[in-house]
Amino acid sequence: MIVALLFVLGVPLWLCAAAVLVLVLRNRGLSKRPDDIPIRLRLVPHGRWRRGHAVWAHDVLVFRASPAAWAESLLWVSGVGSRELTAEEAHKLRRLHDPVAVTLTVDGEPAAEAATSRELLPRLLGPHPAVPVEPPVISPG
């Protein structure tokens, strides 16, 4: 259907293939940045998690959503605090093994929440002091 519509409008298929290739290569380039952290970020409490990649530039978290975001979000972070996710929250964060949430504060007020795998937590904390995170307690039974 879409291919037929593009054909009727006179858009060459090679141009569409080139556009898709550019998007794939841009997304792949994000993970090649030094100190890249694959994270999920939400700016509004109880909002939608956006998948993407982040890096620290001093005390600024630079985040780009994937796969086709052209702009980066910059968060000037003054502090971080980590917390465990509930089972329902962790289920929403697909493709993250053993996810942990980090609250990013700006001027003492919570500005955003980021989530990543537990092994990447030290990189997500960045230049801020490490906050210990207790592993979840699994009861036998």
N, C-alpha and C. Protein backbone atom coordinates (compact mmCIF):
# COMPACT_ATOMS: atom_id res chain seq x y z
N MET A 1 0.83 -1.18 0.00
CA MET A 1 0.00 0.00 0.00
C MET A 1 0.89 1.26 0.00
N ILE A 2 1.82 1.36 0.94
CA ILE A 2 2.68 2.53 1.02
C ILE A 2 3.59 2.60 -0.21
N VAL A 3 4.10 1.43 -0.64
CA VAL A 3 4.96 1.40 -1.82
C VAL A 3 4.20 1.88 -3.04
N ALA A 4 2.93 1.47 -3.17
CA ALA A 4 2.11 1.90 -4.30
C ALA A 4 1.86 3.42 -4.24
N LEU A 5 1.61 3.94 -3.05
CA LEU A 5 1.39 5.37 -2.90
C LEU A 5 2.66 6.16 -3.28
N LEU A 6 3.81 5.68 -2.82
CA LEU A 6 5.06 6.35 -3.18
C LEU A 6 5.31 6.28 -4.68
N PHE A 7 4.96 5.15 -5.29
CA PHE A 7 5.13 4.99 -6.74
C PHE A 7 4.24 5.98 -7.49
N VAL A 8 3.00 6.14 -7.03
CA VAL A 8 2.08 7.06 -7.67
C VAL A 8 2.57 8.50 -7.53
N LEU A 9 3.15 8.82 -6.37
CA LEU A 9 3.67 10.17 -6.15
C LEU A 9 4.98 10.43 -6.88
N GLY A 10 5.60 9.38 -7.39
CA GLY A 10 6.82 9.54 -8.16
C GLY A 10 8.08 9.52 -7.32
N VAL A 11 8.01 8.99 -6.10
CA VAL A 11 9.19 8.91 -5.24
C VAL A 11 9.94 7.63 -5.60
N PRO A 12 11.22 7.75 -5.96
CA PRO A 12 11.97 6.54 -6.31
C PRO A 12 12.21 5.67 -5.07
N LEU A 13 12.12 4.37 -5.26
CA LEU A 13 12.30 3.45 -4.14
C LEU A 13 13.73 3.49 -3.60
N TRP A 14 14.71 3.78 -4.44
CA TRP A 14 16.08 3.85 -3.95
C TRP A 14 16.24 4.99 -2.96
N LEU A 15 15.45 6.07 -3.12
CA LEU A 15 15.50 7.18 -2.18
C LEU A 15 14.94 6.77 -0.82
N CYS A 16 13.88 5.99 -0.81
CA CYS A 16 13.30 5.48 0.44
C CYS A 16 14.29 4.53 1.12
N ALA A 17 14.94 3.66 0.36
CA ALA A 17 15.92 2.73 0.93
C ALA A 17 17.10 3.50 1.52
N ALA A 18 17.53 4.57 0.86
CA ALA A 18 18.63 5.38 1.38
C ALA A 18 18.25 6.05 2.69
N ALA A 19 17.01 6.52 2.80
CA ALA A 19 16.55 7.16 4.04
C ALA A 19 16.54 6.16 5.20
N VAL A 20 16.08 4.95 4.95
CA VAL A 20 16.07 3.91 5.99
C VAL A 20 17.50 3.57 6.39
N LEU A 21 18.40 3.48 5.43
CA LEU A 21 19.81 3.17 5.72
C LEU A 21 20.45 4.26 6.59
N VAL A 22 20.15 5.52 6.30
CA VAL A 22 20.68 6.62 7.11
C VAL A 22 20.20 6.51 8.55
N LEU A 23 18.93 6.20 8.76
CA LEU A 23 18.40 6.05 10.11
C LEU A 23 19.08 4.91 10.86
N VAL A 24 19.30 3.79 10.20
CA VAL A 24 19.95 2.64 10.83
C VAL A 24 21.39 2.97 11.20
N LEU A 25 22.11 3.63 10.30
CA LEU A 25 23.51 3.97 10.58
C LEU A 25 23.64 5.02 11.68
N ARG A 26 22.71 5.98 11.73
CA ARG A 26 22.74 6.97 12.82
C ARG A 26 22.50 6.30 14.17
N ASN A 27 21.57 5.36 14.22
CA ASN A 27 21.28 4.66 15.46
C ASN A 27 22.47 3.81 15.89
N ARG A 28 23.11 3.17 14.94
CA ARG A 28 24.27 2.34 15.25
C ARG A 28 25.44 3.21 15.73
N GLY A 29 25.55 4.40 15.21
CA GLY A 29 26.61 5.31 15.61
C GLY A 29 26.48 5.77 17.06
N LEU A 30 25.25 5.79 17.59
CA LEU A 30 25.05 6.19 18.98
C LEU A 30 25.75 5.24 19.94
N SER A 31 25.68 3.96 19.66
CA SER A 31 26.27 2.99 20.58
C SER A 31 27.78 2.92 20.46
N LYS A 32 28.36 3.58 19.49
CA LYS A 32 29.82 3.59 19.30
C LYS A 32 30.49 4.75 20.04
N ARG A 33 29.70 5.66 20.64
CA ARG A 33 30.29 6.78 21.35
C ARG A 33 31.02 6.28 22.60
N PRO A 34 32.12 6.91 22.98
CA PRO A 34 32.81 6.50 24.21
C PRO A 34 31.90 6.68 25.42
N ASP A 35 31.93 5.74 26.33
CA ASP A 35 31.14 5.77 27.57
C ASP A 35 29.64 5.82 27.32
N ASP A 36 29.18 5.21 26.24
CA ASP A 36 27.76 5.17 25.92
C ASP A 36 27.02 4.32 26.95
N ILE A 37 25.81 4.76 27.32
CA ILE A 37 24.96 4.02 28.26
C ILE A 37 23.59 3.84 27.61
N PRO A 38 23.17 2.61 27.32
CA PRO A 38 21.81 2.42 26.84
C PRO A 38 20.85 2.55 28.02
N ILE A 39 19.93 3.51 27.93
CA ILE A 39 19.02 3.77 29.04
C ILE A 39 17.60 3.95 28.54
N ARG A 40 16.68 4.02 29.49
CA ARG A 40 15.31 4.46 29.26
C ARG A 40 15.16 5.72 30.10
N LEU A 41 14.52 6.75 29.56
CA LEU A 41 14.39 8.03 30.26
C LEU A 41 12.95 8.48 30.21
N ARG A 42 12.48 9.02 31.33
CA ARG A 42 11.17 9.68 31.34
C ARG A 42 11.30 10.98 32.10
N LEU A 43 10.79 12.03 31.49
CA LEU A 43 10.90 13.37 32.06
C LEU A 43 9.73 13.69 32.97
N VAL A 44 8.58 13.11 32.71
CA VAL A 44 7.39 13.37 33.50
C VAL A 44 7.16 12.17 34.42
N PRO A 45 6.90 12.40 35.72
CA PRO A 45 6.62 11.25 36.59
C PRO A 45 5.42 10.46 36.07
N HIS A 46 5.56 9.17 36.08
CA HIS A 46 4.55 8.23 35.59
C HIS A 46 4.26 8.43 34.11
N GLY A 47 5.20 9.01 33.40
CA GLY A 47 5.06 9.19 31.95
C GLY A 47 5.59 7.97 31.21
N ARG A 48 5.81 8.16 29.94
CA ARG A 48 6.28 7.07 29.08
C ARG A 48 7.80 7.02 29.07
N TRP A 49 8.35 5.80 29.15
CA TRP A 49 9.79 5.60 29.07
C TRP A 49 10.21 5.71 27.62
N ARG A 50 11.23 6.53 27.33
CA ARG A 50 11.79 6.64 25.98
C ARG A 50 13.11 5.90 25.94
N ARG A 51 13.26 5.04 24.94
CA ARG A 51 14.48 4.26 24.78
C ARG A 51 15.51 5.11 24.07
N GLY A 52 16.78 4.99 24.50
CA GLY A 52 17.82 5.75 23.85
C GLY A 52 19.19 5.49 24.45
N HIS A 53 20.11 6.39 24.15
CA HIS A 53 21.50 6.28 24.60
C HIS A 53 21.87 7.60 25.26
N ALA A 54 22.76 7.50 26.26
CA ALA A 54 23.19 8.69 26.98
C ALA A 54 24.69 8.64 27.23
N VAL A 55 25.28 9.81 27.39
CA VAL A 55 26.68 9.96 27.80
C VAL A 55 26.74 11.15 28.76
N TRP A 56 27.74 11.11 29.63
CA TRP A 56 27.97 12.23 30.54
C TRP A 56 28.99 13.18 29.91
N ALA A 57 28.71 14.46 29.97
CA ALA A 57 29.66 15.51 29.61
C ALA A 57 29.78 16.40 30.85
N HIS A 58 30.76 16.10 31.68
CA HIS A 58 30.96 16.72 32.99
C HIS A 58 29.73 16.41 33.86
N ASP A 59 28.90 17.38 34.22
CA ASP A 59 27.71 17.08 35.02
C ASP A 59 26.42 17.24 34.20
N VAL A 60 26.53 17.12 32.89
CA VAL A 60 25.38 17.19 31.99
C VAL A 60 25.17 15.82 31.38
N LEU A 61 23.95 15.31 31.50
CA LEU A 61 23.59 14.04 30.86
C LEU A 61 23.04 14.35 29.48
N VAL A 62 23.70 13.83 28.46
CA VAL A 62 23.28 14.04 27.08
C VAL A 62 22.54 12.79 26.64
N PHE A 63 21.27 12.95 26.25
CA PHE A 63 20.41 11.81 25.90
C PHE A 63 19.86 12.00 24.50
N ARG A 64 19.94 10.93 23.71
CA ARG A 64 19.32 10.93 22.38
C ARG A 64 18.44 9.69 22.29
N ALA A 65 17.17 9.92 22.00
CA ALA A 65 16.24 8.81 21.82
C ALA A 65 16.56 8.11 20.51
N SER A 66 16.23 6.85 20.43
CA SER A 66 16.49 6.12 19.19
C SER A 66 15.18 5.57 18.66
N PRO A 67 15.10 5.26 17.42
CA PRO A 67 16.18 5.19 16.45
C PRO A 67 16.35 6.45 15.63
N ALA A 68 15.36 7.33 15.57
CA ALA A 68 15.44 8.40 14.57
C ALA A 68 15.37 9.80 15.16
N ALA A 69 15.80 9.99 16.40
CA ALA A 69 15.75 11.32 16.98
C ALA A 69 16.89 12.17 16.43
N TRP A 70 16.56 13.36 16.03
CA TRP A 70 17.58 14.25 15.47
C TRP A 70 18.14 15.19 16.52
N ALA A 71 17.41 15.38 17.62
CA ALA A 71 17.86 16.30 18.67
C ALA A 71 18.24 15.53 19.92
N GLU A 72 19.15 16.10 20.69
CA GLU A 72 19.56 15.51 21.95
C GLU A 72 19.00 16.33 23.09
N SER A 73 18.64 15.64 24.19
CA SER A 73 18.19 16.31 25.40
C SER A 73 19.39 16.48 26.31
N LEU A 74 19.50 17.65 26.91
CA LEU A 74 20.60 17.94 27.82
C LEU A 74 20.01 18.20 29.21
N LEU A 75 20.48 17.45 30.21
CA LEU A 75 20.03 17.63 31.59
C LEU A 75 21.23 18.00 32.45
N TRP A 76 21.20 19.20 33.01
CA TRP A 76 22.26 19.64 33.91
C TRP A 76 21.93 19.10 35.30
N VAL A 77 22.54 18.00 35.66
CA VAL A 77 22.17 17.23 36.84
C VAL A 77 22.99 17.70 38.04
N SER A 78 22.29 17.96 39.16
CA SER A 78 22.97 18.37 40.38
C SER A 78 23.10 17.22 41.38
N GLY A 79 22.31 16.17 41.21
CA GLY A 79 22.38 15.03 42.12
C GLY A 79 21.62 13.84 41.56
N VAL A 80 21.96 12.67 42.08
CA VAL A 80 21.28 11.45 41.65
C VAL A 80 20.92 10.62 42.88
N GLY A 81 19.89 9.82 42.75
CA GLY A 81 19.50 8.86 43.78
C GLY A 81 18.92 7.65 43.10
N SER A 82 19.31 6.48 43.52
CA SER A 82 18.84 5.27 42.86
C SER A 82 17.77 4.59 43.70
N ARG A 83 16.95 3.79 43.04
CA ARG A 83 15.90 3.03 43.72
C ARG A 83 15.63 1.76 42.95
N GLU A 84 15.04 0.82 43.63
CA GLU A 84 14.63 -0.43 43.00
C GLU A 84 13.31 -0.22 42.27
N LEU A 85 13.12 -0.92 41.20
CA LEU A 85 11.87 -0.87 40.45
C LEU A 85 10.91 -1.94 40.96
N THR A 86 9.63 -1.65 40.88
CA THR A 86 8.64 -2.67 41.20
C THR A 86 8.60 -3.67 40.04
N ALA A 87 7.99 -4.81 40.27
CA ALA A 87 7.90 -5.82 39.22
C ALA A 87 7.13 -5.29 38.01
N GLU A 88 6.11 -4.49 38.24
CA GLU A 88 5.32 -3.93 37.13
C GLU A 88 6.15 -2.94 36.32
N GLU A 89 6.91 -2.09 37.01
CA GLU A 89 7.77 -1.14 36.30
C GLU A 89 8.87 -1.85 35.52
N ALA A 90 9.46 -2.86 36.13
CA ALA A 90 10.55 -3.61 35.46
C ALA A 90 10.03 -4.34 34.23
N HIS A 91 8.79 -4.80 34.27
CA HIS A 91 8.21 -5.50 33.11
C HIS A 91 8.07 -4.56 31.92
N LYS A 92 7.80 -3.28 32.17
CA LYS A 92 7.65 -2.31 31.08
C LYS A 92 8.98 -1.99 30.40
N LEU A 93 10.09 -2.23 31.09
CA LEU A 93 11.41 -1.91 30.55
C LEU A 93 12.00 -3.14 29.88
N ARG A 94 11.50 -3.44 28.71
CA ARG A 94 11.98 -4.62 27.98
C ARG A 94 13.42 -4.42 27.53
N ARG A 95 14.12 -5.53 27.36
CA ARG A 95 15.51 -5.57 26.89
C ARG A 95 16.51 -4.99 27.88
N LEU A 96 16.09 -4.73 29.11
CA LEU A 96 17.01 -4.34 30.16
C LEU A 96 17.07 -5.47 31.17
N HIS A 97 18.24 -6.06 31.34
CA HIS A 97 18.40 -7.16 32.28
C HIS A 97 18.60 -6.59 33.68
N ASP A 98 17.76 -6.98 34.62
CA ASP A 98 17.84 -6.54 36.01
C ASP A 98 17.89 -5.01 36.09
N PRO A 99 16.81 -4.31 35.67
CA PRO A 99 16.84 -2.84 35.61
C PRO A 99 16.82 -2.17 36.99
N VAL A 100 17.46 -1.01 37.05
CA VAL A 100 17.52 -0.17 38.24
C VAL A 100 17.18 1.25 37.79
N ALA A 101 16.43 1.99 38.62
CA ALA A 101 16.05 3.36 38.28
C ALA A 101 16.92 4.35 39.04
N VAL A 102 17.20 5.47 38.39
CA VAL A 102 17.98 6.55 38.98
C VAL A 102 17.16 7.83 38.80
N THR A 103 16.96 8.55 39.90
CA THR A 103 16.28 9.83 39.85
C THR A 103 17.32 10.93 39.66
N LEU A 104 17.15 11.71 38.63
CA LEU A 104 18.08 12.81 38.31
C LEU A 104 17.47 14.11 38.83
N THR A 105 18.21 14.82 39.68
CA THR A 105 17.69 16.06 40.25
C THR A 105 18.43 17.25 39.66
N VAL A 106 17.67 18.32 39.48
CA VAL A 106 18.21 19.59 39.01
C VAL A 106 17.82 20.64 40.04
N ASP A 107 18.81 21.28 40.64
CA ASP A 107 18.59 22.29 41.69
C ASP A 107 17.75 21.73 42.84
N GLY A 108 17.99 20.49 43.21
CA GLY A 108 17.30 19.88 44.34
C GLY A 108 15.92 19.33 44.05
N GLU A 109 15.41 19.53 42.86
CA GLU A 109 14.09 19.04 42.48
C GLU A 109 14.23 17.89 41.49
N PRO A 110 13.45 16.79 41.66
CA PRO A 110 13.53 15.70 40.68
C PRO A 110 13.11 16.20 39.30
N ALA A 111 13.97 15.95 38.30
CA ALA A 111 13.70 16.43 36.95
C ALA A 111 13.37 15.29 35.99
N ALA A 112 13.96 14.12 36.22
CA ALA A 112 13.74 12.99 35.31
C ALA A 112 14.12 11.71 36.02
N GLU A 113 13.70 10.60 35.42
CA GLU A 113 14.10 9.28 35.89
C GLU A 113 14.73 8.54 34.74
N ALA A 114 15.82 7.84 35.03
CA ALA A 114 16.49 7.03 34.03
C ALA A 114 16.58 5.61 34.56
N ALA A 115 16.54 4.64 33.67
CA ALA A 115 16.66 3.23 34.06
C ALA A 115 17.67 2.56 33.14
N THR A 116 18.46 1.67 33.72
CA THR A 116 19.44 0.91 32.97
C THR A 116 19.67 -0.42 33.68
N SER A 117 20.47 -1.27 33.08
CA SER A 117 20.81 -2.55 33.71
C SER A 117 21.67 -2.29 34.94
N ARG A 118 21.59 -3.20 35.91
CA ARG A 118 22.32 -3.03 37.16
C ARG A 118 23.82 -2.93 36.94
N GLU A 119 24.37 -3.67 35.98
CA GLU A 119 25.82 -3.62 35.77
C GLU A 119 26.28 -2.28 35.18
N LEU A 120 25.36 -1.52 34.59
CA LEU A 120 25.71 -0.20 34.04
C LEU A 120 25.40 0.94 35.00
N LEU A 121 24.93 0.62 36.20
CA LEU A 121 24.56 1.65 37.17
C LEU A 121 25.72 2.58 37.50
N PRO A 122 26.94 2.11 37.75
CA PRO A 122 28.02 3.06 38.05
C PRO A 122 28.27 4.07 36.93
N ARG A 123 28.10 3.65 35.69
CA ARG A 123 28.28 4.59 34.57
C ARG A 123 27.15 5.59 34.50
N LEU A 124 25.91 5.17 34.87
CA LEU A 124 24.77 6.08 34.85
C LEU A 124 24.86 7.10 35.98
N LEU A 125 25.46 6.73 37.10
CA LEU A 125 25.62 7.68 38.20
C LEU A 125 26.60 8.79 37.81
N GLY A 126 27.49 8.51 36.89
CA GLY A 126 28.39 9.51 36.34
C GLY A 126 29.29 10.13 37.38
N PRO A 127 29.42 11.46 37.36
CA PRO A 127 30.35 12.13 38.26
C PRO A 127 29.82 12.29 39.68
N HIS A 128 28.61 11.85 39.93
CA HIS A 128 28.00 12.02 41.24
C HIS A 128 28.37 10.86 42.16
N PRO A 129 28.34 11.08 43.47
CA PRO A 129 28.70 10.00 44.40
C PRO A 129 27.81 8.78 44.23
N ALA A 130 28.43 7.62 44.33
CA ALA A 130 27.70 6.36 44.17
C ALA A 130 26.74 6.16 45.32
N VAL A 131 25.52 5.76 44.99
CA VAL A 131 24.50 5.45 45.98
C VAL A 131 24.32 3.94 45.95
N PRO A 132 24.51 3.25 47.09
CA PRO A 132 24.36 1.80 47.06
C PRO A 132 22.92 1.40 46.78
N VAL A 133 22.78 0.36 45.98
CA VAL A 133 21.46 -0.17 45.65
C VAL A 133 21.44 -1.60 46.13
N GLU A 134 20.46 -1.90 46.96
CA GLU A 134 20.34 -3.26 47.48
C GLU A 134 19.66 -4.14 46.43
N PRO A 135 20.17 -5.37 46.23
CA PRO A 135 19.49 -6.28 45.31
C PRO A 135 18.13 -6.69 45.88
N PRO A 136 17.17 -7.02 45.02
CA PRO A 136 15.86 -7.41 45.53
C PRO A 136 15.95 -8.72 46.30
N VAL A 137 15.15 -8.81 47.36
CA VAL A 137 15.12 -10.02 48.18
C VAL A 137 14.10 -10.97 47.59
N ILE A 138 14.57 -12.17 47.27
CA ILE A 138 13.70 -13.20 46.69
C ILE A 138 13.47 -14.24 47.77
N SER A 139 12.21 -14.38 48.15
CA SER A 139 11.90 -15.34 49.21
C SER A 139 11.83 -16.75 48.62
N PRO A 140 12.34 -17.74 49.37
CA PRO A 140 12.27 -19.12 48.87
C PRO A 140 10.83 -19.61 48.87
N GLY A 141 10.51 -20.39 47.89
CA GLY A 141 9.16 -20.94 47.93
C GLY A 141 8.62 -21.06 46.62
